[in-house]
Amino acid sequence: MKPISDQFNIKGSVIDLYQNEDIRKEFTGKEKSDEELKKSVLVSIYLTLEIKWKKEAKIVELAERSPWEEQGIAHELKDIVPFE
């Protein structure tokens, strides 16, 4: 990955799936055909964060997941139960 912002420590890459058959094969047939993927790019953005909170704070992680890699994970906000 190449640096995008040194100030915020953000890195990224753009992979042309037409030219990268190995990566294209990982996604072929899951939701798109090989021909559709040849017209696509894979964009990746990486950043490092430091988050601070008070001791004993109640926290929850919200993350968007890939439909190809994760199964059985809640996909809607209504599925989140509040702290008691």
C-alpha atoms as a PDB file:
ATOM      1  CA  MET A   1       0.000   0.000   0.000  1.00  0.00           C
ATOM      2  CA  LYS A   2       1.153   3.501  -0.764  1.00  0.00           C
ATOM      3  CA  PRO A   3       0.928   6.416   1.678  1.00  0.00           C
ATOM      4  CA  ILE A   4      -2.077   8.660   1.066  1.00  0.00           C
ATOM      5  CA  SER A   5      -1.630  10.937   4.090  1.00  0.00           C
ATOM      6  CA  ASP A   6       1.444  10.949   6.314  1.00  0.00           C
ATOM      7  CA  GLN A   7      -0.275  13.372   8.702  1.00  0.00           C
ATOM      8  CA  PHE A   8      -3.105  10.904   9.441  1.00  0.00           C
ATOM      9  CA  ASN A   9      -1.142   7.685   8.714  1.00  0.00           C
ATOM     10  CA  ILE A  10      -3.479   6.569   5.904  1.00  0.00           C
ATOM     11  CA  LYS A  11      -2.359   4.111   3.240  1.00  0.00           C
ATOM     12  CA  GLY A  12      -4.207   2.752   0.249  1.00  0.00           C
ATOM     13  CA  SER A  13      -4.103   0.805  -2.971  1.00  0.00           C
ATOM     14  CA  VAL A  14      -6.112   0.352  -6.153  1.00  0.00           C
ATOM     15  CA  ILE A  15      -5.893  -3.044  -7.871  1.00  0.00           C
ATOM     16  CA  ASP A  16      -7.131  -3.438 -11.435  1.00  0.00           C
ATOM     17  CA  LEU A  17      -8.982  -6.765 -11.401  1.00  0.00           C
ATOM     18  CA  TYR A  18      -8.637  -7.059 -15.175  1.00  0.00           C
ATOM     19  CA  GLN A  19      -4.878  -7.283 -14.777  1.00  0.00           C
ATOM     20  CA  ASN A  20      -4.786  -9.302 -11.516  1.00  0.00           C
ATOM     21  CA  GLU A  21      -6.301 -12.719 -12.227  1.00  0.00           C
ATOM     22  CA  ASP A  22      -5.369 -14.247  -8.844  1.00  0.00           C
ATOM     23  CA  ILE A  23      -7.357 -11.703  -6.853  1.00  0.00           C
ATOM     24  CA  ARG A  24     -10.191 -11.715  -9.398  1.00  0.00           C
ATOM     25  CA  LYS A  25     -10.563 -15.497  -8.951  1.00  0.00           C
ATOM     26  CA  GLU A  26     -11.194 -14.997  -5.204  1.00  0.00           C
ATOM     27  CA  PHE A  27     -14.365 -13.016  -5.998  1.00  0.00           C
ATOM     28  CA  THR A  28     -15.575 -14.750  -9.178  1.00  0.00           C
ATOM     29  CA  GLY A  29     -18.969 -16.416  -8.871  1.00  0.00           C
ATOM     30  CA  LYS A  30     -19.856 -15.050  -5.438  1.00  0.00           C
ATOM     31  CA  GLU A  31     -21.915 -12.134  -6.676  1.00  0.00           C
ATOM     32  CA  LYS A  32     -20.317 -11.162  -9.963  1.00  0.00           C
ATOM     33  CA  SER A  33     -19.118 -13.030 -13.022  1.00  0.00           C
ATOM     34  CA  ASP A  34     -15.528 -13.028 -14.205  1.00  0.00           C
ATOM     35  CA  GLU A  35     -16.488 -10.671 -17.052  1.00  0.00           C
ATOM     36  CA  GLU A  36     -18.067  -8.176 -14.616  1.00  0.00           C
ATOM     37  CA  LEU A  37     -15.034  -8.299 -12.341  1.00  0.00           C
ATOM     38  CA  LYS A  38     -12.699  -7.603 -15.269  1.00  0.00           C
ATOM     39  CA  LYS A  39     -14.374  -4.176 -15.427  1.00  0.00           C
ATOM     40  CA  SER A  40     -13.746  -3.520 -11.709  1.00  0.00           C
ATOM     41  CA  VAL A  41     -11.038  -2.389  -9.317  1.00  0.00           C
ATOM     42  CA  LEU A  42     -10.415  -3.336  -5.692  1.00  0.00           C
ATOM     43  CA  VAL A  43      -9.819  -0.295  -3.493  1.00  0.00           C
ATOM     44  CA  SER A  44      -8.204  -0.783  -0.082  1.00  0.00           C
ATOM     45  CA  ILE A  45      -7.699   1.893   2.559  1.00  0.00           C
ATOM     46  CA  TYR A  46      -5.738   1.241   5.758  1.00  0.00           C
ATOM     47  CA  LEU A  47      -5.491   3.564   8.716  1.00  0.00           C
ATOM     48  CA  THR A  48      -4.168   3.258  12.236  1.00  0.00           C
ATOM     49  CA  LEU A  49      -6.215   4.830  15.004  1.00  0.00           C
ATOM     50  CA  GLU A  50      -5.684   5.364  18.696  1.00  0.00           C
ATOM     51  CA  ILE A  51      -8.926   5.672  20.592  1.00  0.00           C
ATOM     52  CA  LYS A  52      -9.049   6.562  24.288  1.00  0.00           C
ATOM     53  CA  TRP A  53     -11.978   6.280  26.666  1.00  0.00           C
ATOM     54  CA  LYS A  54     -12.657   6.427  30.398  1.00  0.00           C
ATOM     55  CA  LYS A  55     -11.982   3.449  32.631  1.00  0.00           C
ATOM     56  CA  GLU A  56     -14.996   1.133  32.988  1.00  0.00           C
ATOM     57  CA  ALA A  57     -16.663   2.687  29.920  1.00  0.00           C
ATOM     58  CA  LYS A  58     -19.212   0.499  28.142  1.00  0.00           C
ATOM     59  CA  ILE A  59     -18.307   0.247  24.485  1.00  0.00           C
ATOM     60  CA  VAL A  60     -19.554  -1.572  21.434  1.00  0.00           C
ATOM     61  CA  GLU A  61     -17.870  -2.134  18.084  1.00  0.00           C
ATOM     62  CA  LEU A  62     -19.803  -1.471  14.888  1.00  0.00           C
ATOM     63  CA  ALA A  63     -18.164  -2.721  11.726  1.00  0.00           C
ATOM     64  CA  GLU A  64     -19.242  -3.239   8.163  1.00  0.00           C
ATOM     65  CA  ARG A  65     -18.382  -6.768   7.107  1.00  0.00           C
ATOM     66  CA  SER A  66     -17.910  -8.423   3.762  1.00  0.00           C
ATOM     67  CA  PRO A  67     -20.922 -10.547   2.757  1.00  0.00           C
ATOM     68  CA  TRP A  68     -18.433 -13.080   1.358  1.00  0.00           C
ATOM     69  CA  GLU A  69     -16.390 -13.610   4.519  1.00  0.00           C
ATOM     70  CA  GLU A  70     -18.763 -13.286   7.465  1.00  0.00           C
ATOM     71  CA  GLN A  71     -21.799 -15.370   8.329  1.00  0.00           C
ATOM     72  CA  GLY A  72     -24.142 -15.140  11.306  1.00  0.00           C
ATOM     73  CA  ILE A  73     -23.264 -11.534  12.153  1.00  0.00           C
ATOM     74  CA  ALA A  74     -26.017  -8.976  12.715  1.00  0.00           C
ATOM     75  CA  HIS A  75     -26.476  -6.805   9.636  1.00  0.00           C
ATOM     76  CA  GLU A  76     -28.968  -4.216  10.856  1.00  0.00           C
ATOM     77  CA  LEU A  77     -28.865  -1.572  13.590  1.00  0.00           C
ATOM     78  CA  LYS A  78     -32.141  -2.899  15.031  1.00  0.00           C
ATOM     79  CA  ASP A  79     -30.276  -6.127  15.917  1.00  0.00           C
ATOM     80  CA  ILE A  80     -28.108  -4.247  18.456  1.00  0.00           C
ATOM     81  CA  VAL A  81     -29.315  -4.522  22.055  1.00  0.00           C
ATOM     82  CA  PRO A  82     -28.666  -1.489  24.331  1.00  0.00           C
ATOM     83  CA  PHE A  83     -26.656  -1.759  27.577  1.00  0.00           C
ATOM     84  CA  GLU A  84     -28.717  -2.113  30.740  1.00  0.00           C
END
